[in-house]
């Protein structure tokens, strides 16, 4: 298990093509973000309207700096209309539960 932070953001839409297009647009804006080591769009196998984006960060400080920065909202704007509104907080921040 690697150190670092994983951020999971939940999305919902019956238009999978629109979600994929928004993800590609956001991905381009995230290309050179310091501390971001990767991200992936996943589609639920149980609910065709459910999607998540999982991003990997070097550490919590890198993620927090980006989230509080000026570029955060603009970079994620294409995906924002698809956030899962059923959830009070449509994202989670996780770290390894492994003992180091």
PDB file of N, CA and C in Angstrom:
ATOM      1  N   UNK A   1       0.856  -1.180   0.000  1.00  0.00           N
ATOM      2  CA  UNK A   1       0.000   0.000   0.000  1.00  0.00           C
ATOM      3  C   UNK A   1       0.896   1.234   0.000  1.00  0.00           C
ATOM      4  N   UNK A   2       0.562   2.178  -0.834  1.00  0.00           N
ATOM      5  CA  UNK A   2       1.353   3.395  -0.903  1.00  0.00           C
ATOM      6  C   UNK A   2       0.770   4.447   0.029  1.00  0.00           C
ATOM      7  N   UNK A   3       1.635   5.349   0.446  1.00  0.00           N
ATOM      8  CA  UNK A   3       1.165   6.487   1.228  1.00  0.00           C
ATOM      9  C   UNK A   3       0.438   7.432   0.290  1.00  0.00           C
ATOM     10  N   UNK A   4      -0.251   8.372   0.861  1.00  0.00           N
ATOM     11  CA  UNK A   4      -0.931   9.364   0.044  1.00  0.00           C
ATOM     12  C   UNK A   4      -2.401   9.438   0.387  1.00  0.00           C
ATOM     13  N   UNK A   5      -3.090  10.226  -0.387  1.00  0.00           N
ATOM     14  CA  UNK A   5      -4.504  10.517  -0.168  1.00  0.00           C
ATOM     15  C   UNK A   5      -5.276  10.120  -1.419  1.00  0.00           C
ATOM     16  N   UNK A   6      -6.461   9.599  -1.216  1.00  0.00           N
ATOM     17  CA  UNK A   6      -7.386   9.335  -2.323  1.00  0.00           C
ATOM     18  C   UNK A   6      -8.627  10.188  -2.091  1.00  0.00           C
ATOM     19  N   UNK A   7      -9.081  10.839  -3.121  1.00  0.00           N
ATOM     20  CA  UNK A   7     -10.298  11.636  -3.053  1.00  0.00           C
ATOM     21  C   UNK A   7     -11.305  10.989  -4.002  1.00  0.00           C
ATOM     22  N   UNK A   8     -12.502  10.747  -3.478  1.00  0.00           N
ATOM     23  CA  UNK A   8     -13.573  10.122  -4.254  1.00  0.00           C
ATOM     24  C   UNK A   8     -14.713  11.133  -4.354  1.00  0.00           C
ATOM     25  N   UNK A   9     -15.122  11.448  -5.582  1.00  0.00           N
ATOM     26  CA  UNK A   9     -16.237  12.375  -5.803  1.00  0.00           C
ATOM     27  C   UNK A   9     -17.328  11.598  -6.542  1.00  0.00           C
ATOM     28  N   UNK A  10     -18.544  11.693  -6.024  1.00  0.00           N
ATOM     29  CA  UNK A  10     -19.682  10.932  -6.545  1.00  0.00           C
ATOM     30  C   UNK A  10     -20.506  11.766  -7.522  1.00  0.00           C
ATOM     31  N   UNK A  11     -20.827  11.145  -8.653  1.00  0.00           N
ATOM     32  CA  UNK A  11     -21.603  11.805  -9.702  1.00  0.00           C
ATOM     33  C   UNK A  11     -22.780  10.933 -10.104  1.00  0.00           C
ATOM     34  N   UNK A  12     -23.785  11.566 -10.714  1.00  0.00           N
ATOM     35  CA  UNK A  12     -24.978  10.846 -11.139  1.00  0.00           C
ATOM     36  C   UNK A  12     -25.521  11.497 -12.406  1.00  0.00           C
ATOM     37  N   UNK A  13     -25.773  10.653 -13.422  1.00  0.00           N
ATOM     38  CA  UNK A  13     -26.378  11.153 -14.652  1.00  0.00           C
ATOM     39  C   UNK A  13     -26.817   9.967 -15.507  1.00  0.00           C
ATOM     40  N   UNK A  14     -27.907  10.146 -16.226  1.00  0.00           N
ATOM     41  CA  UNK A  14     -28.330   9.137 -17.189  1.00  0.00           C
ATOM     42  C   UNK A  14     -27.609   9.324 -18.524  1.00  0.00           C
ATOM     43  N   UNK A  15     -26.842  10.398 -18.646  1.00  0.00           N
ATOM     44  CA  UNK A  15     -26.112  10.698 -19.879  1.00  0.00           C
ATOM     45  C   UNK A  15     -24.620  10.396 -19.679  1.00  0.00           C
ATOM     46  N   UNK A  16     -24.264   9.126 -19.859  1.00  0.00           N
ATOM     47  CA  UNK A  16     -22.876   8.707 -19.633  1.00  0.00           C
ATOM     48  C   UNK A  16     -21.905   9.442 -20.555  1.00  0.00           C
ATOM     49  N   UNK A  17     -22.306   9.699 -21.787  1.00  0.00           N
ATOM     50  CA  UNK A  17     -21.424  10.394 -22.723  1.00  0.00           C
ATOM     51  C   UNK A  17     -21.099  11.802 -22.228  1.00  0.00           C
ATOM     52  N   UNK A  18     -22.077  12.477 -21.642  1.00  0.00           N
ATOM     53  CA  UNK A  18     -21.841  13.828 -21.117  1.00  0.00           C
ATOM     54  C   UNK A  18     -20.893  13.790 -19.928  1.00  0.00           C
ATOM     55  N   UNK A  19     -21.030  12.795 -19.080  1.00  0.00           N
ATOM     56  CA  UNK A  19     -20.114  12.663 -17.931  1.00  0.00           C
ATOM     57  C   UNK A  19     -18.698  12.401 -18.425  1.00  0.00           C
ATOM     58  N   UNK A  20     -18.560  11.515 -19.391  1.00  0.00           N
ATOM     59  CA  UNK A  20     -17.226  11.213 -19.940  1.00  0.00           C
ATOM     60  C   UNK A  20     -16.599  12.451 -20.581  1.00  0.00           C
ATOM     61  N   UNK A  21     -17.382  13.216 -21.318  1.00  0.00           N
ATOM     62  CA  UNK A  21     -16.868  14.436 -21.954  1.00  0.00           C
ATOM     63  C   UNK A  21     -16.442  15.459 -20.901  1.00  0.00           C
ATOM     64  N   UNK A  22     -17.238  15.612 -19.858  1.00  0.00           N
ATOM     65  CA  UNK A  22     -16.897  16.542 -18.776  1.00  0.00           C
ATOM     66  C   UNK A  22     -15.629  16.087 -18.061  1.00  0.00           C
ATOM     67  N   UNK A  23     -15.494  14.790 -17.855  1.00  0.00           N
ATOM     68  CA  UNK A  23     -14.285  14.250 -17.216  1.00  0.00           C
ATOM     69  C   UNK A  23     -13.048  14.543 -18.073  1.00  0.00           C
ATOM     70  N   UNK A  24     -13.154  14.328 -19.374  1.00  0.00           N
ATOM     71  CA  UNK A  24     -12.004  14.613 -20.256  1.00  0.00           C
ATOM     72  C   UNK A  24     -11.618  16.083 -20.197  1.00  0.00           C
ATOM     73  N   UNK A  25     -12.618  16.959 -20.165  1.00  0.00           N
ATOM     74  CA  UNK A  25     -12.344  18.397 -20.077  1.00  0.00           C
ATOM     75  C   UNK A  25     -11.670  18.746 -18.751  1.00  0.00           C
ATOM     76  N   UNK A  26     -12.186  18.215 -17.660  1.00  0.00           N
ATOM     77  CA  UNK A  26     -11.576  18.473 -16.353  1.00  0.00           C
ATOM     78  C   UNK A  26     -10.169  17.888 -16.287  1.00  0.00           C
ATOM     79  N   UNK A  27      -9.982  16.711 -16.866  1.00  0.00           N
ATOM     80  CA  UNK A  27      -8.663  16.071 -16.859  1.00  0.00           C
ATOM     81  C   UNK A  27      -7.606  16.954 -17.501  1.00  0.00           C
ATOM     82  N   UNK A  28      -7.971  17.594 -18.597  1.00  0.00           N
ATOM     83  CA  UNK A  28      -7.023  18.483 -19.276  1.00  0.00           C
ATOM     84  C   UNK A  28      -6.623  19.639 -18.375  1.00  0.00           C
ATOM     85  N   UNK A  29      -7.572  20.155 -17.603  1.00  0.00           N
ATOM     86  CA  UNK A  29      -7.276  21.276 -16.696  1.00  0.00           C
ATOM     87  C   UNK A  29      -6.438  20.846 -15.495  1.00  0.00           C
ATOM     88  N   UNK A  30      -6.446  19.559 -15.196  1.00  0.00           N
ATOM     89  CA  UNK A  30      -5.716  19.050 -14.017  1.00  0.00           C
ATOM     90  C   UNK A  30      -4.331  18.508 -14.360  1.00  0.00           C
ATOM     91  N   UNK A  31      -3.947  18.614 -15.602  1.00  0.00           N
ATOM     92  CA  UNK A  31      -2.734  17.963 -16.093  1.00  0.00           C
ATOM     93  C   UNK A  31      -1.479  18.247 -15.265  1.00  0.00           C
ATOM     94  N   UNK A  32      -1.263  19.478 -14.837  1.00  0.00           N
ATOM     95  CA  UNK A  32      -0.008  19.830 -14.159  1.00  0.00           C
ATOM     96  C   UNK A  32      -0.196  20.270 -12.710  1.00  0.00           C
ATOM     97  N   UNK A  33      -1.212  19.746 -12.044  1.00  0.00           N
ATOM     98  CA  UNK A  33      -1.461  20.141 -10.654  1.00  0.00           C
ATOM     99  C   UNK A  33      -0.412  19.488  -9.750  1.00  0.00           C
ATOM    100  N   UNK A  34       0.330  20.284  -8.981  1.00  0.00           N
ATOM    101  CA  UNK A  34       1.336  19.727  -8.075  1.00  0.00           C
ATOM    102  C   UNK A  34       0.699  18.794  -7.045  1.00  0.00           C
ATOM    103  N   UNK A  35       1.284  17.610  -6.896  1.00  0.00           N
ATOM    104  CA  UNK A  35       0.820  16.654  -5.898  1.00  0.00           C
ATOM    105  C   UNK A  35      -0.230  15.683  -6.398  1.00  0.00           C
ATOM    106  N   UNK A  36      -0.860  15.974  -7.525  1.00  0.00           N
ATOM    107  CA  UNK A  36      -1.845  15.058  -8.102  1.00  0.00           C
ATOM    108  C   UNK A  36      -1.095  13.989  -8.889  1.00  0.00           C
ATOM    109  N   UNK A  37      -1.226  12.737  -8.472  1.00  0.00           N
ATOM    110  CA  UNK A  37      -0.472  11.660  -9.111  1.00  0.00           C
ATOM    111  C   UNK A  37      -1.313  10.833 -10.085  1.00  0.00           C
ATOM    112  N   UNK A  38      -2.613  11.053 -10.088  1.00  0.00           N
ATOM    113  CA  UNK A  38      -3.464  10.339 -11.041  1.00  0.00           C
ATOM    114  C   UNK A  38      -4.923  10.490 -10.686  1.00  0.00           C
ATOM    115  N   UNK A  39      -5.788  10.161 -11.653  1.00  0.00           N
ATOM    116  CA  UNK A  39      -7.228  10.193 -11.432  1.00  0.00           C
ATOM    117  C   UNK A  39      -7.888   9.286 -12.454  1.00  0.00           C
ATOM    118  N   UNK A  40      -9.103   8.832 -12.116  1.00  0.00           N
ATOM    119  CA  UNK A  40      -9.796   7.886 -12.971  1.00  0.00           C
ATOM    120  C   UNK A  40     -11.308   8.056 -12.804  1.00  0.00           C
ATOM    121  N   UNK A  41     -12.025   7.965 -13.907  1.00  0.00           N
ATOM    122  CA  UNK A  41     -13.484   7.967 -13.892  1.00  0.00           C
ATOM    123  C   UNK A  41     -13.954   6.522 -13.882  1.00  0.00           C
ATOM    124  N   UNK A  42     -14.801   6.186 -12.915  1.00  0.00           N
ATOM    125  CA  UNK A  42     -15.347   4.836 -12.818  1.00  0.00           C
ATOM    126  C   UNK A  42     -16.865   4.895 -12.919  1.00  0.00           C
ATOM    127  N   UNK A  43     -17.434   3.910 -13.612  1.00  0.00           N
ATOM    128  CA  UNK A  43     -18.878   3.805 -13.764  1.00  0.00           C
ATOM    129  C   UNK A  43     -19.369   2.628 -12.939  1.00  0.00           C
ATOM    130  N   UNK A  44     -20.460   2.809 -12.218  1.00  0.00           N
ATOM    131  CA  UNK A  44     -21.015   1.743 -11.396  1.00  0.00           C
ATOM    132  C   UNK A  44     -21.490   0.582 -12.269  1.00  0.00           C
ATOM    133  N   UNK A  45     -21.232  -0.637 -11.830  1.00  0.00           N
ATOM    134  CA  UNK A  45     -21.744  -1.803 -12.538  1.00  0.00           C
ATOM    135  C   UNK A  45     -23.161  -2.139 -12.084  1.00  0.00           C
ATOM    136  N   UNK A  46     -23.597  -1.562 -10.967  1.00  0.00           N
ATOM    137  CA  UNK A  46     -24.932  -1.833 -10.429  1.00  0.00           C
ATOM    138  C   UNK A  46     -25.947  -0.752 -10.749  1.00  0.00           C
ATOM    139  N   UNK A  47     -25.479   0.445 -11.038  1.00  0.00           N
ATOM    140  CA  UNK A  47     -26.365   1.578 -11.289  1.00  0.00           C
ATOM    141  C   UNK A  47     -25.796   2.356 -12.458  1.00  0.00           C
ATOM    142  N   UNK A  48     -26.389   2.239 -13.617  1.00  0.00           N
ATOM    143  CA  UNK A  48     -25.851   2.854 -14.831  1.00  0.00           C
ATOM    144  C   UNK A  48     -25.785   4.378 -14.759  1.00  0.00           C
ATOM    145  N   UNK A  49     -26.399   4.985 -13.765  1.00  0.00           N
ATOM    146  CA  UNK A  49     -26.336   6.443 -13.609  1.00  0.00           C
ATOM    147  C   UNK A  49     -25.276   6.869 -12.593  1.00  0.00           C
ATOM    148  N   UNK A  50     -24.596   5.918 -11.972  1.00  0.00           N
ATOM    149  CA  UNK A  50     -23.621   6.238 -10.928  1.00  0.00           C
ATOM    150  C   UNK A  50     -22.194   6.246 -11.436  1.00  0.00           C
ATOM    151  N   UNK A  51     -21.468   7.299 -11.079  1.00  0.00           N
ATOM    152  CA  UNK A  51     -20.066   7.456 -11.470  1.00  0.00           C
ATOM    153  C   UNK A  51     -19.279   7.971 -10.272  1.00  0.00           C
ATOM    154  N   UNK A  52     -17.987   7.695 -10.245  1.00  0.00           N
ATOM    155  CA  UNK A  52     -17.086   8.325  -9.280  1.00  0.00           C
ATOM    156  C   UNK A  52     -15.812   8.713 -10.006  1.00  0.00           C
ATOM    157  N   UNK A  53     -15.196   9.772  -9.523  1.00  0.00           N
ATOM    158  CA  UNK A  53     -13.833  10.090  -9.929  1.00  0.00           C
ATOM    159  C   UNK A  53     -12.972   9.873  -8.697  1.00  0.00           C
ATOM    160  N   UNK A  54     -11.952   9.049  -8.856  1.00  0.00           N
ATOM    161  CA  UNK A  54     -11.004   8.787  -7.782  1.00  0.00           C
ATOM    162  C   UNK A  54      -9.692   9.446  -8.180  1.00  0.00           C
ATOM    163  N   UNK A  55      -9.207  10.334  -7.330  1.00  0.00           N
ATOM    164  CA  UNK A  55      -7.920  10.971  -7.599  1.00  0.00           C
ATOM    165  C   UNK A  55      -6.937  10.594  -6.504  1.00  0.00           C
ATOM    166  N   UNK A  56      -5.676  10.512  -6.881  1.00  0.00           N
ATOM    167  CA  UNK A  56      -4.597  10.165  -5.955  1.00  0.00           C
ATOM    168  C   UNK A  56      -3.679  11.361  -5.796  1.00  0.00           C
ATOM    169  N   UNK A  57      -3.328  11.620  -4.547  1.00  0.00           N
ATOM    170  CA  UNK A  57      -2.499  12.779  -4.200  1.00  0.00           C
ATOM    171  C   UNK A  57      -1.312  12.317  -3.378  1.00  0.00           C
ATOM    172  N   UNK A  58      -0.207  13.041  -3.494  1.00  0.00           N
ATOM    173  CA  UNK A  58       0.989  12.674  -2.736  1.00  0.00           C
ATOM    174  C   UNK A  58       0.748  12.753  -1.240  1.00  0.00           C
ATOM    175  N   UNK A  59      -0.022  13.746  -0.815  1.00  0.00           N
ATOM    176  CA  UNK A  59      -0.305  13.912   0.617  1.00  0.00           C
ATOM    177  C   UNK A  59      -1.470  14.875   0.807  1.00  0.00           C
ATOM    178  N   UNK A  60      -1.956  14.965   2.025  1.00  0.00           N
ATOM    179  CA  UNK A  60      -3.097  15.817   2.332  1.00  0.00           C
ATOM    180  C   UNK A  60      -2.785  17.288   2.108  1.00  0.00           C
ATOM    181  N   UNK A  61      -1.556  17.704   2.387  1.00  0.00           N
ATOM    182  CA  UNK A  61      -1.181  19.106   2.181  1.00  0.00           C
ATOM    183  C   UNK A  61      -1.308  19.505   0.710  1.00  0.00           C
ATOM    184  N   UNK A  62      -0.890  18.621  -0.201  1.00  0.00           N
ATOM    185  CA  UNK A  62      -0.983  18.922  -1.632  1.00  0.00           C
ATOM    186  C   UNK A  62      -2.440  19.049  -2.053  1.00  0.00           C
ATOM    187  N   UNK A  63      -3.281  18.127  -1.606  1.00  0.00           N
ATOM    188  CA  UNK A  63      -4.692  18.202  -1.953  1.00  0.00           C
ATOM    189  C   UNK A  63      -5.338  19.455  -1.378  1.00  0.00           C
ATOM    190  N   UNK A  64      -5.068  19.747  -0.118  1.00  0.00           N
ATOM    191  CA  UNK A  64      -5.667  20.907   0.542  1.00  0.00           C
ATOM    192  C   UNK A  64      -5.239  22.206  -0.133  1.00  0.00           C
ATOM    193  N   UNK A  65      -3.970  22.300  -0.499  1.00  0.00           N
ATOM    194  CA  UNK A  65      -3.474  23.505  -1.183  1.00  0.00           C
ATOM    195  C   UNK A  65      -4.200  23.701  -2.507  1.00  0.00           C
ATOM    196  N   UNK A  66      -4.388  22.623  -3.271  1.00  0.00           N
ATOM    197  CA  UNK A  66      -5.100  22.740  -4.539  1.00  0.00           C
ATOM    198  C   UNK A  66      -6.569  23.084  -4.305  1.00  0.00           C
ATOM    199  N   UNK A  67      -7.199  22.418  -3.361  1.00  0.00           N
ATOM    200  CA  UNK A  67      -8.625  22.644  -3.102  1.00  0.00           C
ATOM    201  C   UNK A  67      -8.899  24.086  -2.686  1.00  0.00           C
ATOM    202  N   UNK A  68      -7.987  24.689  -1.958  1.00  0.00           N
ATOM    203  CA  UNK A  68      -8.156  26.078  -1.498  1.00  0.00           C
ATOM    204  C   UNK A  68      -7.668  27.097  -2.517  1.00  0.00           C
ATOM    205  N   UNK A  69      -7.003  26.624  -3.554  1.00  0.00           N
ATOM    206  CA  UNK A  69      -6.428  27.529  -4.548  1.00  0.00           C
ATOM    207  C   UNK A  69      -7.453  28.060  -5.536  1.00  0.00           C
ATOM    208  N   UNK A  70      -7.012  29.006  -6.333  1.00  0.00           N
ATOM    209  CA  UNK A  70      -7.879  29.677  -7.304  1.00  0.00           C
ATOM    210  C   UNK A  70      -8.308  28.781  -8.462  1.00  0.00           C
ATOM    211  N   UNK A  71      -7.524  27.751  -8.798  1.00  0.00           N
ATOM    212  CA  UNK A  71      -7.801  26.936  -9.975  1.00  0.00           C
ATOM    213  C   UNK A  71      -8.785  25.796  -9.719  1.00  0.00           C
ATOM    214  N   UNK A  72      -9.053  25.487  -8.480  1.00  0.00           N
ATOM    215  CA  UNK A  72      -9.887  24.338  -8.123  1.00  0.00           C
ATOM    216  C   UNK A  72     -11.268  24.384  -8.774  1.00  0.00           C
ATOM    217  N   UNK A  73     -11.984  25.467  -8.577  1.00  0.00           N
ATOM    218  CA  UNK A  73     -13.359  25.555  -9.079  1.00  0.00           C
ATOM    219  C   UNK A  73     -13.419  25.545 -10.610  1.00  0.00           C
ATOM    220  N   UNK A  74     -12.521  26.241 -11.247  1.00  0.00           N
ATOM    221  CA  UNK A  74     -12.519  26.277 -12.713  1.00  0.00           C
ATOM    222  C   UNK A  74     -12.189  24.901 -13.294  1.00  0.00           C
ATOM    223  N   UNK A  75     -11.233  24.213 -12.700  1.00  0.00           N
ATOM    224  CA  UNK A  75     -10.814  22.909 -13.218  1.00  0.00           C
ATOM    225  C   UNK A  75     -11.914  21.862 -13.095  1.00  0.00           C
ATOM    226  N   UNK A  76     -12.693  21.931 -12.037  1.00  0.00           N
ATOM    227  CA  UNK A  76     -13.724  20.922 -11.801  1.00  0.00           C
ATOM    228  C   UNK A  76     -15.110  21.346 -12.300  1.00  0.00           C
ATOM    229  N   UNK A  77     -15.227  22.548 -12.841  1.00  0.00           N
ATOM    230  CA  UNK A  77     -16.521  23.072 -13.296  1.00  0.00           C
ATOM    231  C   UNK A  77     -17.245  22.158 -14.292  1.00  0.00           C
ATOM    232  N   UNK A  78     -16.561  21.529 -15.242  1.00  0.00           N
ATOM    233  CA  UNK A  78     -17.295  20.696 -16.195  1.00  0.00           C
ATOM    234  C   UNK A  78     -18.067  19.541 -15.536  1.00  0.00           C
ATOM    235  N   UNK A  79     -17.551  19.015 -14.448  1.00  0.00           N
ATOM    236  CA  UNK A  79     -18.192  17.887 -13.770  1.00  0.00           C
ATOM    237  C   UNK A  79     -19.230  18.307 -12.735  1.00  0.00           C
ATOM    238  N   UNK A  80     -19.162  19.530 -12.290  1.00  0.00           N
ATOM    239  CA  UNK A  80     -20.024  19.981 -11.185  1.00  0.00           C
ATOM    240  C   UNK A  80     -21.517  19.734 -11.411  1.00  0.00           C
ATOM    241  N   UNK A  81     -22.065  19.931 -12.611  1.00  0.00           N
ATOM    242  CA  UNK A  81     -23.505  19.688 -12.799  1.00  0.00           C
ATOM    243  C   UNK A  81     -23.929  18.235 -12.551  1.00  0.00           C
ATOM    244  N   UNK A  82     -22.956  17.317 -12.543  1.00  0.00           N
ATOM    245  CA  UNK A  82     -23.266  15.905 -12.383  1.00  0.00           C
ATOM    246  C   UNK A  82     -23.081  15.390 -10.954  1.00  0.00           C
ATOM    247  N   UNK A  83     -22.694  16.252 -10.026  1.00  0.00           N
ATOM    248  CA  UNK A  83     -22.500  15.803  -8.644  1.00  0.00           C
ATOM    249  C   UNK A  83     -23.771  15.143  -8.126  1.00  0.00           C
ATOM    250  N   UNK A  84     -23.592  14.117  -7.342  1.00  0.00           N
ATOM    251  CA  UNK A  84     -24.730  13.365  -6.819  1.00  0.00           C
ATOM    252  C   UNK A  84     -25.402  14.185  -5.721  1.00  0.00           C
ATOM    253  N   UNK A  85     -26.503  14.813  -6.054  1.00  0.00           N
ATOM    254  CA  UNK A  85     -27.213  15.714  -5.147  1.00  0.00           C
ATOM    255  C   UNK A  85     -27.956  14.987  -4.040  1.00  0.00           C
ATOM    256  N   UNK A  86     -28.031  13.667  -4.109  1.00  0.00           N
ATOM    257  CA  UNK A  86     -28.687  12.918  -3.036  1.00  0.00           C
ATOM    258  C   UNK A  86     -27.830  12.894  -1.773  1.00  0.00           C
ATOM    259  N   UNK A  87     -26.553  13.163  -1.927  1.00  0.00           N
ATOM    260  CA  UNK A  87     -25.609  13.094  -0.811  1.00  0.00           C
ATOM    261  C   UNK A  87     -25.387  14.476  -0.212  1.00  0.00           C
ATOM    262  N   UNK A  88     -25.369  14.542   1.113  1.00  0.00           N
ATOM    263  CA  UNK A  88     -25.110  15.820   1.785  1.00  0.00           C
ATOM    264  C   UNK A  88     -23.713  16.334   1.429  1.00  0.00           C
ATOM    265  N   UNK A  89     -22.749  15.434   1.357  1.00  0.00           N
ATOM    266  CA  UNK A  89     -21.378  15.761   0.962  1.00  0.00           C
ATOM    267  C   UNK A  89     -21.005  14.769  -0.143  1.00  0.00           C
ATOM    268  N   UNK A  90     -20.925  15.221  -1.404  1.00  0.00           N
ATOM    269  CA  UNK A  90     -20.724  14.290  -2.511  1.00  0.00           C
ATOM    270  C   UNK A  90     -19.264  13.913  -2.773  1.00  0.00           C
ATOM    271  N   UNK A  91     -18.441  13.945  -1.733  1.00  0.00           N
ATOM    272  CA  UNK A  91     -17.055  13.529  -1.901  1.00  0.00           C
ATOM    273  C   UNK A  91     -16.522  12.994  -0.568  1.00  0.00           C
ATOM    274  N   UNK A  92     -15.410  12.287  -0.657  1.00  0.00           N
ATOM    275  CA  UNK A  92     -14.733  11.802   0.550  1.00  0.00           C
ATOM    276  C   UNK A  92     -13.246  11.865   0.336  1.00  0.00           C
ATOM    277  N   UNK A  93     -12.514  12.073   1.420  1.00  0.00           N
ATOM    278  CA  UNK A  93     -11.052  12.097   1.383  1.00  0.00           C
ATOM    279  C   UNK A  93     -10.573  10.953   2.266  1.00  0.00           C
ATOM    280  N   UNK A  94      -9.720  10.091   1.700  1.00  0.00           N
ATOM    281  CA  UNK A  94      -9.309   8.870   2.381  1.00  0.00           C
ATOM    282  C   UNK A  94      -7.790   8.731   2.386  1.00  0.00           C
ATOM    283  N   UNK A  95      -7.309   8.009   3.383  1.00  0.00           N
ATOM    284  CA  UNK A  95      -5.894   7.631   3.424  1.00  0.00           C
ATOM    285  C   UNK A  95      -5.813   6.160   3.788  1.00  0.00           C
ATOM    286  N   UNK A  96      -4.674   5.582   3.602  1.00  0.00           N
ATOM    287  CA  UNK A  96      -4.489   4.162   3.893  1.00  0.00           C
ATOM    288  C   UNK A  96      -4.762   3.881   5.367  1.00  0.00           C
ATOM    289  N   UNK A  97      -5.451   2.806   5.623  1.00  0.00           N
ATOM    290  CA  UNK A  97      -5.718   2.387   6.996  1.00  0.00           C
ATOM    291  C   UNK A  97      -4.630   1.437   7.490  1.00  0.00           C
ATOM    292  N   UNK A  98      -3.672   1.122   6.632  1.00  0.00           N
ATOM    293  CA  UNK A  98      -2.575   0.253   7.012  1.00  0.00           C
ATOM    294  C   UNK A  98      -1.699   0.917   8.059  1.00  0.00           C
ATOM    295  N   UNK A  99      -1.244   0.167   9.020  1.00  0.00           N
ATOM    296  CA  UNK A  99      -0.330   0.675  10.038  1.00  0.00           C
ATOM    297  C   UNK A  99       1.068   0.726   9.431  1.00  0.00           C
ATOM    298  N   UNK A 100       1.725   1.866   9.590  1.00  0.00           N
ATOM    299  CA  UNK A 100       3.071   2.043   9.003  1.00  0.00           C
ATOM    300  C   UNK A 100       4.125   1.748  10.027  1.00  0.00           C
TER     301      UNK A 100
END
